[in-house]
Amino acid sequence: MNIASHISKHEFVQHTSRYLKLCEKEGVVIITHHDQPTLCLTPIKRKSIYDLRGLLKGMKIVGDINEPVFPGFDKW
């Protein structure tokens, strides 16, 4: 996998569609913040999308899905 480019977070926000297209074409785009790598943008291989089908099949939701995950979070 080729590294397409190292770009700043500000540059990515300003030209998101350009870098998404570059990522699809070239491979990996590293996004930096204060010259430190913070994010790695990689394209998803078509095969891996199909591997995700049925991943949650058979899983059971326990509790109310509308309740906050962390206790006391709703009191903010």
PDB file of N, CA and C in Angstrom:
ATOM      1  N   MET A   1       0.843  -1.173   0.000  1.00  0.00           N
ATOM      2  CA  MET A   1       0.000   0.000   0.000  1.00  0.00           C
ATOM      3  C   MET A   1       0.893   1.242   0.000  1.00  0.00           C
ATOM      4  N   ASN A   2       0.635   2.120  -0.902  1.00  0.00           N
ATOM      5  CA  ASN A   2       1.431   3.337  -1.024  1.00  0.00           C
ATOM      6  C   ASN A   2       0.903   4.426  -0.110  1.00  0.00           C
ATOM      7  N   ILE A   3       1.824   5.207   0.431  1.00  0.00           N
ATOM      8  CA  ILE A   3       1.396   6.378   1.190  1.00  0.00           C
ATOM      9  C   ILE A   3       1.194   7.507   0.196  1.00  0.00           C
ATOM     10  N   ALA A   4      -0.040   7.977   0.088  1.00  0.00           N
ATOM     11  CA  ALA A   4      -0.366   9.015  -0.886  1.00  0.00           C
ATOM     12  C   ALA A   4       0.236  10.338  -0.463  1.00  0.00           C
ATOM     13  N   SER A   5       0.034  10.713   0.771  1.00  0.00           N
ATOM     14  CA  SER A   5       0.583  11.992   1.224  1.00  0.00           C
ATOM     15  C   SER A   5       0.395  12.170   2.715  1.00  0.00           C
ATOM     16  N   HIS A   6       1.169  13.078   3.257  1.00  0.00           N
ATOM     17  CA  HIS A   6       1.010  13.546   4.628  1.00  0.00           C
ATOM     18  C   HIS A   6       0.427  14.946   4.524  1.00  0.00           C
ATOM     19  N   ILE A   7      -0.725  15.160   5.113  1.00  0.00           N
ATOM     20  CA  ILE A   7      -1.366  16.469   5.034  1.00  0.00           C
ATOM     21  C   ILE A   7      -1.804  16.916   6.422  1.00  0.00           C
ATOM     22  N   SER A   8      -1.942  18.203   6.576  1.00  0.00           N
ATOM     23  CA  SER A   8      -2.395  18.733   7.864  1.00  0.00           C
ATOM     24  C   SER A   8      -3.909  18.574   7.978  1.00  0.00           C
ATOM     25  N   LYS A   9      -4.380  18.576   9.200  1.00  0.00           N
ATOM     26  CA  LYS A   9      -5.815  18.466   9.443  1.00  0.00           C
ATOM     27  C   LYS A   9      -6.558  19.628   8.791  1.00  0.00           C
ATOM     28  N   HIS A  10      -5.998  20.823   8.879  1.00  0.00           N
ATOM     29  CA  HIS A  10      -6.609  22.005   8.272  1.00  0.00           C
ATOM     30  C   HIS A  10      -6.720  21.835   6.755  1.00  0.00           C
ATOM     31  N   GLU A  11      -5.657  21.355   6.127  1.00  0.00           N
ATOM     32  CA  GLU A  11      -5.660  21.135   4.678  1.00  0.00           C
ATOM     33  C   GLU A  11      -6.711  20.088   4.293  1.00  0.00           C
ATOM     34  N   PHE A  12      -6.822  19.028   5.098  1.00  0.00           N
ATOM     35  CA  PHE A  12      -7.818  17.982   4.820  1.00  0.00           C
ATOM     36  C   PHE A  12      -9.237  18.544   4.914  1.00  0.00           C
ATOM     37  N   VAL A  13      -9.506  19.345   5.932  1.00  0.00           N
ATOM     38  CA  VAL A  13     -10.841  19.924   6.105  1.00  0.00           C
ATOM     39  C   VAL A  13     -11.175  20.846   4.930  1.00  0.00           C
ATOM     40  N   GLN A  14     -10.214  21.613   4.466  1.00  0.00           N
ATOM     41  CA  GLN A  14     -10.445  22.555   3.381  1.00  0.00           C
ATOM     42  C   GLN A  14     -10.669  21.869   2.032  1.00  0.00           C
ATOM     43  N   HIS A  15     -10.041  20.701   1.834  1.00  0.00           N
ATOM     44  CA  HIS A  15     -10.089  20.026   0.525  1.00  0.00           C
ATOM     45  C   HIS A  15     -10.411  18.538   0.689  1.00  0.00           C
ATOM     46  N   THR A  16     -11.434  18.235   1.469  1.00  0.00           N
ATOM     47  CA  THR A  16     -11.768  16.850   1.803  1.00  0.00           C
ATOM     48  C   THR A  16     -12.003  15.985   0.576  1.00  0.00           C
ATOM     49  N   SER A  17     -12.823  16.436  -0.358  1.00  0.00           N
ATOM     50  CA  SER A  17     -13.141  15.595  -1.518  1.00  0.00           C
ATOM     51  C   SER A  17     -11.899  15.283  -2.342  1.00  0.00           C
ATOM     52  N   ARG A  18     -10.976  16.243  -2.444  1.00  0.00           N
ATOM     53  CA  ARG A  18      -9.733  16.006  -3.187  1.00  0.00           C
ATOM     54  C   ARG A  18      -8.938  14.867  -2.557  1.00  0.00           C
ATOM     55  N   TYR A  19      -8.837  14.883  -1.217  1.00  0.00           N
ATOM     56  CA  TYR A  19      -8.035  13.863  -0.543  1.00  0.00           C
ATOM     57  C   TYR A  19      -8.749  12.514  -0.454  1.00  0.00           C
ATOM     58  N   LEU A  20     -10.083  12.517  -0.447  1.00  0.00           N
ATOM     59  CA  LEU A  20     -10.801  11.250  -0.503  1.00  0.00           C
ATOM     60  C   LEU A  20     -10.562  10.572  -1.848  1.00  0.00           C
ATOM     61  N   LYS A  21     -10.610  11.345  -2.926  1.00  0.00           N
ATOM     62  CA  LYS A  21     -10.327  10.802  -4.260  1.00  0.00           C
ATOM     63  C   LYS A  21      -8.890  10.317  -4.349  1.00  0.00           C
ATOM     64  N   LEU A  22      -7.966  11.080  -3.784  1.00  0.00           N
ATOM     65  CA  LEU A  22      -6.559  10.687  -3.783  1.00  0.00           C
ATOM     66  C   LEU A  22      -6.362   9.386  -3.014  1.00  0.00           C
ATOM     67  N   CYS A  23      -7.056   9.256  -1.903  1.00  0.00           N
ATOM     68  CA  CYS A  23      -6.963   8.036  -1.105  1.00  0.00           C
ATOM     69  C   CYS A  23      -7.477   6.830  -1.886  1.00  0.00           C
ATOM     70  N   GLU A  24      -8.609   6.986  -2.571  1.00  0.00           N
ATOM     71  CA  GLU A  24      -9.158   5.897  -3.382  1.00  0.00           C
ATOM     72  C   GLU A  24      -8.188   5.492  -4.481  1.00  0.00           C
ATOM     73  N   LYS A  25      -7.520   6.469  -5.060  1.00  0.00           N
ATOM     74  CA  LYS A  25      -6.633   6.219  -6.187  1.00  0.00           C
ATOM     75  C   LYS A  25      -5.262   5.700  -5.753  1.00  0.00           C
ATOM     76  N   GLU A  26      -4.669   6.334  -4.748  1.00  0.00           N
ATOM     77  CA  GLU A  26      -3.279   6.073  -4.380  1.00  0.00           C
ATOM     78  C   GLU A  26      -3.100   5.108  -3.204  1.00  0.00           C
ATOM     79  N   GLY A  27      -4.030   5.104  -2.258  1.00  0.00           N
ATOM     80  CA  GLY A  27      -3.852   4.250  -1.090  1.00  0.00           C
ATOM     81  C   GLY A  27      -4.082   4.995   0.199  1.00  0.00           C
ATOM     82  N   VAL A  28      -3.044   5.198   0.973  1.00  0.00           N
ATOM     83  CA  VAL A  28      -3.154   5.749   2.322  1.00  0.00           C
ATOM     84  C   VAL A  28      -2.881   7.253   2.336  1.00  0.00           C
ATOM     85  N   VAL A  29      -3.658   7.981   3.126  1.00  0.00           N
ATOM     86  CA  VAL A  29      -3.417   9.395   3.372  1.00  0.00           C
ATOM     87  C   VAL A  29      -3.246   9.561   4.884  1.00  0.00           C
ATOM     88  N   ILE A  30      -2.131  10.131   5.289  1.00  0.00           N
ATOM     89  CA  ILE A  30      -1.858  10.372   6.707  1.00  0.00           C
ATOM     90  C   ILE A  30      -2.222  11.821   7.009  1.00  0.00           C
ATOM     91  N   ILE A  31      -3.060  12.029   8.017  1.00  0.00           N
ATOM     92  CA  ILE A  31      -3.477  13.366   8.422  1.00  0.00           C
ATOM     93  C   ILE A  31      -2.754  13.719   9.712  1.00  0.00           C
ATOM     94  N   THR A  32      -2.139  14.897   9.719  1.00  0.00           N
ATOM     95  CA  THR A  32      -1.326  15.302  10.863  1.00  0.00           C
ATOM     96  C   THR A  32      -1.947  16.484  11.594  1.00  0.00           C
ATOM     97  N   HIS A  33      -1.570  16.624  12.848  1.00  0.00           N
ATOM     98  CA  HIS A  33      -1.967  17.763  13.668  1.00  0.00           C
ATOM     99  C   HIS A  33      -0.718  18.218  14.413  1.00  0.00           C
ATOM    100  N   HIS A  34      -0.291  19.443  14.182  1.00  0.00           N
ATOM    101  CA  HIS A  34       0.961  19.968  14.740  1.00  0.00           C
ATOM    102  C   HIS A  34       2.138  19.059  14.372  1.00  0.00           C
ATOM    103  N   ASP A  35       2.180  18.660  13.110  1.00  0.00           N
ATOM    104  CA  ASP A  35       3.248  17.819  12.540  1.00  0.00           C
ATOM    105  C   ASP A  35       3.352  16.434  13.169  1.00  0.00           C
ATOM    106  N   GLN A  36       2.331  15.994  13.872  1.00  0.00           N
ATOM    107  CA  GLN A  36       2.295  14.651  14.442  1.00  0.00           C
ATOM    108  C   GLN A  36       1.180  13.865  13.748  1.00  0.00           C
ATOM    109  N   PRO A  37       1.442  12.660  13.252  1.00  0.00           N
ATOM    110  CA  PRO A  37       0.388  11.875  12.606  1.00  0.00           C
ATOM    111  C   PRO A  37      -0.724  11.551  13.602  1.00  0.00           C
ATOM    112  N   THR A  38      -1.971  11.834  13.207  1.00  0.00           N
ATOM    113  CA  THR A  38      -3.099  11.567  14.097  1.00  0.00           C
ATOM    114  C   THR A  38      -4.124  10.627  13.487  1.00  0.00           C
ATOM    115  N   LEU A  39      -4.268  10.662  12.163  1.00  0.00           N
ATOM    116  CA  LEU A  39      -5.248   9.818  11.488  1.00  0.00           C
ATOM    117  C   LEU A  39      -4.630   9.169  10.264  1.00  0.00           C
ATOM    118  N   CYS A  40      -5.129   7.982   9.966  1.00  0.00           N
ATOM    119  CA  CYS A  40      -4.707   7.279   8.771  1.00  0.00           C
ATOM    120  C   CYS A  40      -5.970   6.964   7.968  1.00  0.00           C
ATOM    121  N   LEU A  41      -6.096   7.552   6.797  1.00  0.00           N
ATOM    122  CA  LEU A  41      -7.255   7.358   5.943  1.00  0.00           C
ATOM    123  C   LEU A  41      -6.907   6.289   4.912  1.00  0.00           C
ATOM    124  N   THR A  42      -7.634   5.193   4.926  1.00  0.00           N
ATOM    125  CA  THR A  42      -7.374   4.102   3.985  1.00  0.00           C
ATOM    126  C   THR A  42      -8.660   3.681   3.298  1.00  0.00           C
ATOM    127  N   PRO A  43      -8.582   3.289   2.043  1.00  0.00           N
ATOM    128  CA  PRO A  43      -9.783   2.812   1.358  1.00  0.00           C
ATOM    129  C   PRO A  43     -10.156   1.415   1.861  1.00  0.00           C
ATOM    130  N   ILE A  44     -11.446   1.106   1.834  1.00  0.00           N
ATOM    131  CA  ILE A  44     -11.928  -0.222   2.215  1.00  0.00           C
ATOM    132  C   ILE A  44     -11.953  -1.083   0.971  1.00  0.00           C
ATOM    133  N   LYS A  45     -11.400  -2.254   1.065  1.00  0.00           N
ATOM    134  CA  LYS A  45     -11.427  -3.185  -0.060  1.00  0.00           C
ATOM    135  C   LYS A  45     -12.834  -3.743  -0.191  1.00  0.00           C
ATOM    136  N   ARG A  46     -13.301  -3.898  -1.410  1.00  0.00           N
ATOM    137  CA  ARG A  46     -14.653  -4.395  -1.643  1.00  0.00           C
ATOM    138  C   ARG A  46     -14.898  -5.721  -0.943  1.00  0.00           C
ATOM    139  N   LYS A  47     -13.935  -6.596  -0.955  1.00  0.00           N
ATOM    140  CA  LYS A  47     -14.099  -7.892  -0.319  1.00  0.00           C
ATOM    141  C   LYS A  47     -14.380  -7.743   1.176  1.00  0.00           C
ATOM    142  N   SER A  48     -13.725  -6.786   1.831  1.00  0.00           N
ATOM    143  CA  SER A  48     -13.897  -6.633   3.269  1.00  0.00           C
ATOM    144  C   SER A  48     -15.305  -6.145   3.628  1.00  0.00           C
ATOM    145  N   ILE A  49     -15.963  -5.388   2.739  1.00  0.00           N
ATOM    146  CA  ILE A  49     -17.341  -4.960   2.997  1.00  0.00           C
ATOM    147  C   ILE A  49     -18.249  -6.180   3.072  1.00  0.00           C
ATOM    148  N   TYR A  50     -18.074  -7.111   2.146  1.00  0.00           N
ATOM    149  CA  TYR A  50     -18.924  -8.298   2.146  1.00  0.00           C
ATOM    150  C   TYR A  50     -18.634  -9.198   3.341  1.00  0.00           C
ATOM    151  N   ASP A  51     -17.414  -9.155   3.836  1.00  0.00           N
ATOM    152  CA  ASP A  51     -17.069  -9.935   5.028  1.00  0.00           C
ATOM    153  C   ASP A  51     -17.788  -9.407   6.263  1.00  0.00           C
ATOM    154  N   LEU A  52     -18.193  -8.124   6.258  1.00  0.00           N
ATOM    155  CA  LEU A  52     -18.861  -7.528   7.412  1.00  0.00           C
ATOM    156  C   LEU A  52     -20.342  -7.886   7.488  1.00  0.00           C
ATOM    157  N   ARG A  53     -20.921  -8.392   6.386  1.00  0.00           N
ATOM    158  CA  ARG A  53     -22.335  -8.757   6.415  1.00  0.00           C
ATOM    159  C   ARG A  53     -22.581  -9.855   7.442  1.00  0.00           C
ATOM    160  N   GLY A  54     -23.625  -9.705   8.214  1.00  0.00           N
ATOM    161  CA  GLY A  54     -23.986 -10.711   9.190  1.00  0.00           C
ATOM    162  C   GLY A  54     -23.117 -10.695  10.432  1.00  0.00           C
ATOM    163  N   LEU A  55     -22.274  -9.703  10.569  1.00  0.00           N
ATOM    164  CA  LEU A  55     -21.378  -9.634  11.723  1.00  0.00           C
ATOM    165  C   LEU A  55     -22.160  -9.552  13.026  1.00  0.00           C
ATOM    166  N   LEU A  56     -23.246  -8.781  13.028  1.00  0.00           N
ATOM    167  CA  LEU A  56     -24.036  -8.600  14.239  1.00  0.00           C
ATOM    168  C   LEU A  56     -25.215  -9.560  14.314  1.00  0.00           C
ATOM    169  N   LYS A  57     -25.337 -10.442  13.344  1.00  0.00           N
ATOM    170  CA  LYS A  57     -26.444 -11.390  13.339  1.00  0.00           C
ATOM    171  C   LYS A  57     -26.363 -12.289  14.571  1.00  0.00           C
ATOM    172  N   GLY A  58     -27.454 -12.391  15.267  1.00  0.00           N
ATOM    173  CA  GLY A  58     -27.496 -13.235  16.451  1.00  0.00           C
ATOM    174  C   GLY A  58     -27.104 -12.516  17.736  1.00  0.00           C
ATOM    175  N   MET A  59     -26.639 -11.272  17.640  1.00  0.00           N
ATOM    176  CA  MET A  59     -26.293 -10.516  18.846  1.00  0.00           C
ATOM    177  C   MET A  59     -27.570  -9.999  19.486  1.00  0.00           C
ATOM    178  N   LYS A  60     -27.569  -9.893  20.782  1.00  0.00           N
ATOM    179  CA  LYS A  60     -28.738  -9.490  21.537  1.00  0.00           C
ATOM    180  C   LYS A  60     -28.493  -8.132  22.191  1.00  0.00           C
ATOM    181  N   ILE A  61     -29.442  -7.220  22.027  1.00  0.00           N
ATOM    182  CA  ILE A  61     -29.355  -5.924  22.685  1.00  0.00           C
ATOM    183  C   ILE A  61     -29.919  -6.068  24.088  1.00  0.00           C
ATOM    184  N   VAL A  62     -29.135  -5.685  25.074  1.00  0.00           N
ATOM    185  CA  VAL A  62     -29.544  -5.799  26.461  1.00  0.00           C
ATOM    186  C   VAL A  62     -29.791  -4.397  26.997  1.00  0.00           C
ATOM    187  N   GLY A  63     -30.959  -4.154  27.551  1.00  0.00           N
ATOM    188  CA  GLY A  63     -31.271  -2.851  28.112  1.00  0.00           C
ATOM    189  C   GLY A  63     -31.943  -1.951  27.104  1.00  0.00           C
ATOM    190  N   ASP A  64     -32.174  -0.727  27.520  1.00  0.00           N
ATOM    191  CA  ASP A  64     -32.829   0.268  26.685  1.00  0.00           C
ATOM    192  C   ASP A  64     -31.774   0.979  25.851  1.00  0.00           C
ATOM    193  N   ILE A  65     -31.943   0.978  24.532  1.00  0.00           N
ATOM    194  CA  ILE A  65     -30.939   1.599  23.674  1.00  0.00           C
ATOM    195  C   ILE A  65     -30.940   3.119  23.788  1.00  0.00           C
ATOM    196  N   ASN A  66     -31.956   3.688  24.423  1.00  0.00           N
ATOM    197  CA  ASN A  66     -32.023   5.141  24.593  1.00  0.00           C
ATOM    198  C   ASN A  66     -31.385   5.615  25.891  1.00  0.00           C
ATOM    199  N   GLU A  67     -30.979   4.691  26.760  1.00  0.00           N
ATOM    200  CA  GLU A  67     -30.324   5.067  28.008  1.00  0.00           C
ATOM    201  C   GLU A  67     -28.875   5.454  27.740  1.00  0.00           C
ATOM    202  N   PRO A  68     -28.326   6.388  28.507  1.00  0.00           N
ATOM    203  CA  PRO A  68     -26.918   6.735  28.334  1.00  0.00           C
ATOM    204  C   PRO A  68     -26.017   5.555  28.685  1.00  0.00           C
ATOM    205  N   VAL A  69     -24.887   5.481  27.998  1.00  0.00           N
ATOM    206  CA  VAL A  69     -23.953   4.384  28.216  1.00  0.00           C
ATOM    207  C   VAL A  69     -23.238   4.541  29.558  1.00  0.00           C
ATOM    208  N   PHE A  70     -22.884   5.780  29.890  1.00  0.00           N
ATOM    209  CA  PHE A  70     -22.174   6.021  31.134  1.00  0.00           C
ATOM    210  C   PHE A  70     -23.123   6.556  32.179  1.00  0.00           C
ATOM    211  N   PRO A  71     -23.078   6.030  33.395  1.00  0.00           N
ATOM    212  CA  PRO A  71     -23.948   6.537  34.459  1.00  0.00           C
ATOM    213  C   PRO A  71     -23.713   8.030  34.719  1.00  0.00           C
ATOM    214  N   GLY A  72     -24.778   8.770  34.883  1.00  0.00           N
ATOM    215  CA  GLY A  72     -24.676  10.192  35.150  1.00  0.00           C
ATOM    216  C   GLY A  72     -24.449  11.052  33.924  1.00  0.00           C
ATOM    217  N   PHE A  73     -24.301  10.453  32.755  1.00  0.00           N
ATOM    218  CA  PHE A  73     -24.043  11.221  31.527  1.00  0.00           C
ATOM    219  C   PHE A  73     -25.217  12.097  31.163  1.00  0.00           C
ATOM    220  N   ASP A  74     -26.443  11.670  31.498  1.00  0.00           N
ATOM    221  CA  ASP A  74     -27.642  12.443  31.140  1.00  0.00           C
ATOM    222  C   ASP A  74     -27.811  13.684  32.017  1.00  0.00           C
ATOM    223  N   LYS A  75     -27.028  13.832  33.093  1.00  0.00           N
ATOM    224  CA  LYS A  75     -27.171  14.966  34.005  1.00  0.00           C
ATOM    225  C   LYS A  75     -26.287  16.129  33.614  1.00  0.00           C
ATOM    226  N   TRP A  76     -25.600  16.055  32.505  1.00  0.00           N
ATOM    227  CA  TRP A  76     -24.708  17.146  32.089  1.00  0.00           C
ATOM    228  C   TRP A  76     -25.483  18.331  31.743  1.00  0.00           C
TER     229      TRP A  76
END
